[in-house]
Amino acid sequence: MLTQAECDLIEQQMQRTMVAAMGIRPLASDDDVARCEMPITDATRQYFGILHGGAYLALAETIAGMGSLHVIGFDPAAKVCGTHVEGIHMAMSPTEGKVFGLATLLHAGRSTHVWNVDVVDEAGRVLSTERVTNRILWDKNAPKH
């Protein structure tokens, strides 16, 4: 879903944000799934070593937001804001390596997008699944193009 140029733009815009601090990086692909990766580090672990549940949710909201940016064509007249995130953790996370967010678009309206995000380990095992709703806020004063 995300092109390499879009991934580069996102990484540039995410410098000095929580996304960068957590090491979340978008991944280019040529299918209908928005993808990202996140390392399991001290910044994303619980005190006893596994991935923190909040890190799963942050990863899911982040990749769904990146997907929504793609869907709206990175239109500068719009801002993407997560309005609802819920998740179910289904398997114990690894204590090292990376996890990947795989976001599939379920609904794309003008002002609302709904995504399903699976967070998987390096072997492809689903660790957690999230539902993310994004609101698209359009600047009514922006020039039309």
C-alpha atoms as a PDB file:
ATOM      1  CA  MET A   1       0.000   0.000   0.000  1.00  0.00           C
ATOM      2  CA  LEU A   2       2.619   2.558   1.010  1.00  0.00           C
ATOM      3  CA  THR A   3       5.130   3.541  -1.649  1.00  0.00           C
ATOM      4  CA  GLN A   4       8.781   4.055  -0.782  1.00  0.00           C
ATOM      5  CA  ALA A   5       8.355   7.801  -1.373  1.00  0.00           C
ATOM      6  CA  GLU A   6       5.423   7.860   1.091  1.00  0.00           C
ATOM      7  CA  CYS A   7       7.476   5.913   3.656  1.00  0.00           C
ATOM      8  CA  ASP A   8      10.334   8.407   3.293  1.00  0.00           C
ATOM      9  CA  LEU A   9       7.932  11.351   3.757  1.00  0.00           C
ATOM     10  CA  ILE A  10       6.343   9.739   6.824  1.00  0.00           C
ATOM     11  CA  GLU A  11       9.728   9.053   8.420  1.00  0.00           C
ATOM     12  CA  GLN A  12      10.750  12.665   7.805  1.00  0.00           C
ATOM     13  CA  GLN A  13       7.519  13.983   9.372  1.00  0.00           C
ATOM     14  CA  MET A  14       7.750  11.623  12.366  1.00  0.00           C
ATOM     15  CA  GLN A  15      11.196  12.732  13.522  1.00  0.00           C
ATOM     16  CA  ARG A  16      11.185  13.791  17.190  1.00  0.00           C
ATOM     17  CA  THR A  17       7.762  12.202  17.837  1.00  0.00           C
ATOM     18  CA  MET A  18       6.632   9.225  19.902  1.00  0.00           C
ATOM     19  CA  VAL A  19       6.591   7.189  16.693  1.00  0.00           C
ATOM     20  CA  ALA A  20      10.317   7.769  16.197  1.00  0.00           C
ATOM     21  CA  ALA A  21      11.055   7.198  19.895  1.00  0.00           C
ATOM     22  CA  MET A  22       9.387   3.779  19.678  1.00  0.00           C
ATOM     23  CA  GLY A  23      11.304   2.944  16.499  1.00  0.00           C
ATOM     24  CA  ILE A  24       8.158   2.483  14.383  1.00  0.00           C
ATOM     25  CA  ARG A  25       8.997   2.524  10.673  1.00  0.00           C
ATOM     26  CA  PRO A  26       6.624   2.257   7.696  1.00  0.00           C
ATOM     27  CA  LEU A  27       7.351  -0.441   5.115  1.00  0.00           C
ATOM     28  CA  ALA A  28       6.691  -0.095   1.403  1.00  0.00           C
ATOM     29  CA  SER A  29       4.517  -2.735  -0.258  1.00  0.00           C
ATOM     30  CA  ASP A  30       2.629  -3.168  -3.501  1.00  0.00           C
ATOM     31  CA  ASP A  31      -0.552  -4.705  -2.093  1.00  0.00           C
ATOM     32  CA  ASP A  32      -3.572  -3.415  -0.138  1.00  0.00           C
ATOM     33  CA  VAL A  33      -2.012  -3.789   3.323  1.00  0.00           C
ATOM     34  CA  ALA A  34      -0.269  -0.919   5.135  1.00  0.00           C
ATOM     35  CA  ARG A  35       2.783  -2.283   6.963  1.00  0.00           C
ATOM     36  CA  CYS A  36       5.202  -1.103   9.600  1.00  0.00           C
ATOM     37  CA  GLU A  37       7.781  -2.566  11.935  1.00  0.00           C
ATOM     38  CA  MET A  38       8.686  -1.855  15.540  1.00  0.00           C
ATOM     39  CA  PRO A  39      11.659  -3.200  17.474  1.00  0.00           C
ATOM     40  CA  ILE A  40      11.138  -4.724  20.900  1.00  0.00           C
ATOM     41  CA  THR A  41      13.359  -2.548  23.107  1.00  0.00           C
ATOM     42  CA  ASP A  42      13.465  -1.239  26.646  1.00  0.00           C
ATOM     43  CA  ALA A  43      11.277   1.633  25.412  1.00  0.00           C
ATOM     44  CA  THR A  44       8.488  -0.753  24.323  1.00  0.00           C
ATOM     45  CA  ARG A  45       8.728  -3.526  26.950  1.00  0.00           C
ATOM     46  CA  GLN A  46       6.955  -4.062  30.243  1.00  0.00           C
ATOM     47  CA  TYR A  47       9.216  -4.359  33.287  1.00  0.00           C
ATOM     48  CA  PHE A  48       9.391  -8.152  32.925  1.00  0.00           C
ATOM     49  CA  GLY A  49      10.473  -8.122  29.296  1.00  0.00           C
ATOM     50  CA  ILE A  50       7.451  -8.646  27.054  1.00  0.00           C
ATOM     51  CA  LEU A  51       6.001  -6.047  24.732  1.00  0.00           C
ATOM     52  CA  HIS A  52       3.809  -3.544  26.583  1.00  0.00           C
ATOM     53  CA  GLY A  53       0.110  -3.659  25.658  1.00  0.00           C
ATOM     54  CA  GLY A  54       0.131   0.085  25.069  1.00  0.00           C
ATOM     55  CA  ALA A  55       2.918  -0.372  22.510  1.00  0.00           C
ATOM     56  CA  TYR A  56       0.624  -2.671  20.518  1.00  0.00           C
ATOM     57  CA  LEU A  57      -2.091   0.002  20.524  1.00  0.00           C
ATOM     58  CA  ALA A  58       0.341   2.786  19.601  1.00  0.00           C
ATOM     59  CA  LEU A  59       1.697   0.667  16.752  1.00  0.00           C
ATOM     60  CA  ALA A  60      -1.835  -0.072  15.500  1.00  0.00           C
ATOM     61  CA  GLU A  61      -2.982   3.558  15.616  1.00  0.00           C
ATOM     62  CA  THR A  62       0.230   4.627  13.893  1.00  0.00           C
ATOM     63  CA  ILE A  63       0.019   2.240  10.938  1.00  0.00           C
ATOM     64  CA  ALA A  64      -3.723   2.854  10.510  1.00  0.00           C
ATOM     65  CA  GLY A  65      -2.983   6.592  10.429  1.00  0.00           C
ATOM     66  CA  MET A  66      -0.270   6.065   7.824  1.00  0.00           C
ATOM     67  CA  GLY A  67      -2.726   4.013   5.780  1.00  0.00           C
ATOM     68  CA  SER A  68      -5.336   6.762   6.011  1.00  0.00           C
ATOM     69  CA  LEU A  69      -2.775   9.309   4.818  1.00  0.00           C
ATOM     70  CA  HIS A  70      -2.197   7.097   1.780  1.00  0.00           C
ATOM     71  CA  VAL A  71      -5.946   6.718   1.132  1.00  0.00           C
ATOM     72  CA  ILE A  72      -6.466  10.502   1.123  1.00  0.00           C
ATOM     73  CA  GLY A  73      -3.429  10.985  -1.087  1.00  0.00           C
ATOM     74  CA  PHE A  74      -1.430  12.829   1.591  1.00  0.00           C
ATOM     75  CA  ASP A  75      -3.741  15.800   0.938  1.00  0.00           C
ATOM     76  CA  PRO A  76      -2.362  18.801   2.893  1.00  0.00           C
ATOM     77  CA  ALA A  77      -5.945  19.991   3.498  1.00  0.00           C
ATOM     78  CA  ALA A  78      -6.577  16.984   5.776  1.00  0.00           C
ATOM     79  CA  LYS A  79      -5.353  15.772   9.124  1.00  0.00           C
ATOM     80  CA  VAL A  80      -5.775  12.168  10.277  1.00  0.00           C
ATOM     81  CA  CYS A  81      -6.665  11.638  13.946  1.00  0.00           C
ATOM     82  CA  GLY A  82      -7.300   8.328  15.680  1.00  0.00           C
ATOM     83  CA  THR A  83     -10.602   8.465  17.537  1.00  0.00           C
ATOM     84  CA  HIS A  84     -10.985   4.873  18.734  1.00  0.00           C
ATOM     85  CA  VAL A  85      -8.540   2.011  19.252  1.00  0.00           C
ATOM     86  CA  GLU A  86      -9.336  -1.318  20.850  1.00  0.00           C
ATOM     87  CA  GLY A  87      -7.253  -4.444  20.945  1.00  0.00           C
ATOM     88  CA  ILE A  88      -7.154  -8.064  21.943  1.00  0.00           C
ATOM     89  CA  HIS A  89      -3.811  -9.607  22.859  1.00  0.00           C
ATOM     90  CA  MET A  90      -3.872 -13.257  21.877  1.00  0.00           C
ATOM     91  CA  ALA A  91      -0.340 -14.569  22.384  1.00  0.00           C
ATOM     92  CA  MET A  92       2.654 -13.828  24.566  1.00  0.00           C
ATOM     93  CA  SER A  93       5.012 -11.486  22.796  1.00  0.00           C
ATOM     94  CA  PRO A  94       8.622 -12.247  22.114  1.00  0.00           C
ATOM     95  CA  THR A  95      11.141 -10.435  24.325  1.00  0.00           C
ATOM     96  CA  GLU A  96      13.441  -9.379  21.502  1.00  0.00           C
ATOM     97  CA  GLY A  97      13.423  -8.830  17.761  1.00  0.00           C
ATOM     98  CA  LYS A  98      10.677  -6.983  15.921  1.00  0.00           C
ATOM     99  CA  VAL A  99       6.935  -6.990  15.518  1.00  0.00           C
ATOM    100  CA  PHE A 100       5.022  -5.896  12.447  1.00  0.00           C
ATOM    101  CA  GLY A 101       1.732  -4.041  12.076  1.00  0.00           C
ATOM    102  CA  LEU A 102      -0.448  -5.147   9.139  1.00  0.00           C
ATOM    103  CA  ALA A 103      -3.376  -2.786   8.556  1.00  0.00           C
ATOM    104  CA  THR A 104      -6.303  -3.678   6.314  1.00  0.00           C
ATOM    105  CA  LEU A 105      -8.856  -1.023   5.400  1.00  0.00           C
ATOM    106  CA  LEU A 106     -12.425  -2.001   6.273  1.00  0.00           C
ATOM    107  CA  HIS A 107     -14.211   1.293   5.499  1.00  0.00           C
ATOM    108  CA  ALA A 108     -13.109   4.497   3.768  1.00  0.00           C
ATOM    109  CA  GLY A 109     -15.543   7.371   3.913  1.00  0.00           C
ATOM    110  CA  ARG A 110     -14.712  11.036   3.383  1.00  0.00           C
ATOM    111  CA  SER A 111     -14.435  11.709   7.117  1.00  0.00           C
ATOM    112  CA  THR A 112     -14.019   8.263   8.717  1.00  0.00           C
ATOM    113  CA  HIS A 113     -11.736   5.302   8.043  1.00  0.00           C
ATOM    114  CA  VAL A 114     -11.919   1.973   9.892  1.00  0.00           C
ATOM    115  CA  TRP A 115      -8.932  -0.388   9.930  1.00  0.00           C
ATOM    116  CA  ASN A 116      -8.180  -3.861  11.232  1.00  0.00           C
ATOM    117  CA  VAL A 117      -4.578  -4.191  12.381  1.00  0.00           C
ATOM    118  CA  ASP A 118      -2.864  -7.470  13.158  1.00  0.00           C
ATOM    119  CA  VAL A 119       0.407  -7.277  15.045  1.00  0.00           C
ATOM    120  CA  VAL A 120       2.570 -10.260  14.170  1.00  0.00           C
ATOM    121  CA  ASP A 121       5.975 -11.543  15.242  1.00  0.00           C
ATOM    122  CA  GLU A 122       8.855 -12.281  12.888  1.00  0.00           C
ATOM    123  CA  ALA A 123       7.425 -15.761  12.207  1.00  0.00           C
ATOM    124  CA  GLY A 124       4.046 -14.266  11.188  1.00  0.00           C
ATOM    125  CA  ARG A 125       2.202 -15.417  14.328  1.00  0.00           C
ATOM    126  CA  VAL A 126      -0.623 -13.037  15.279  1.00  0.00           C
ATOM    127  CA  LEU A 127       0.098 -11.624  18.736  1.00  0.00           C
ATOM    128  CA  SER A 128      -2.620  -8.998  18.912  1.00  0.00           C
ATOM    129  CA  THR A 129      -5.407  -7.635  16.761  1.00  0.00           C
ATOM    130  CA  GLU A 130      -6.759  -4.091  16.897  1.00  0.00           C
ATOM    131  CA  ARG A 131      -9.627  -2.125  15.415  1.00  0.00           C
ATOM    132  CA  VAL A 132      -8.786   1.519  14.691  1.00  0.00           C
ATOM    133  CA  THR A 133     -11.159   4.302  13.681  1.00  0.00           C
ATOM    134  CA  ASN A 134      -9.651   7.446  12.197  1.00  0.00           C
ATOM    135  CA  ARG A 135     -11.373  10.779  11.717  1.00  0.00           C
ATOM    136  CA  ILE A 136     -10.292  12.781   8.690  1.00  0.00           C
ATOM    137  CA  LEU A 137     -10.391  16.488   9.550  1.00  0.00           C
ATOM    138  CA  TRP A 138     -10.661  18.604   6.392  1.00  0.00           C
ATOM    139  CA  ASP A 139      -9.509  22.234   6.402  1.00  0.00           C
ATOM    140  CA  LYS A 140     -12.459  24.031   4.856  1.00  0.00           C
ATOM    141  CA  ASN A 141     -10.260  27.044   4.007  1.00  0.00           C
ATOM    142  CA  ALA A 142      -7.622  25.081   2.098  1.00  0.00           C
ATOM    143  CA  PRO A 143      -7.483  25.584  -1.657  1.00  0.00           C
ATOM    144  CA  LYS A 144      -9.045  22.803  -3.715  1.00  0.00           C
ATOM    145  CA  HIS A 145      -6.781  20.915  -6.090  1.00  0.00           C
END
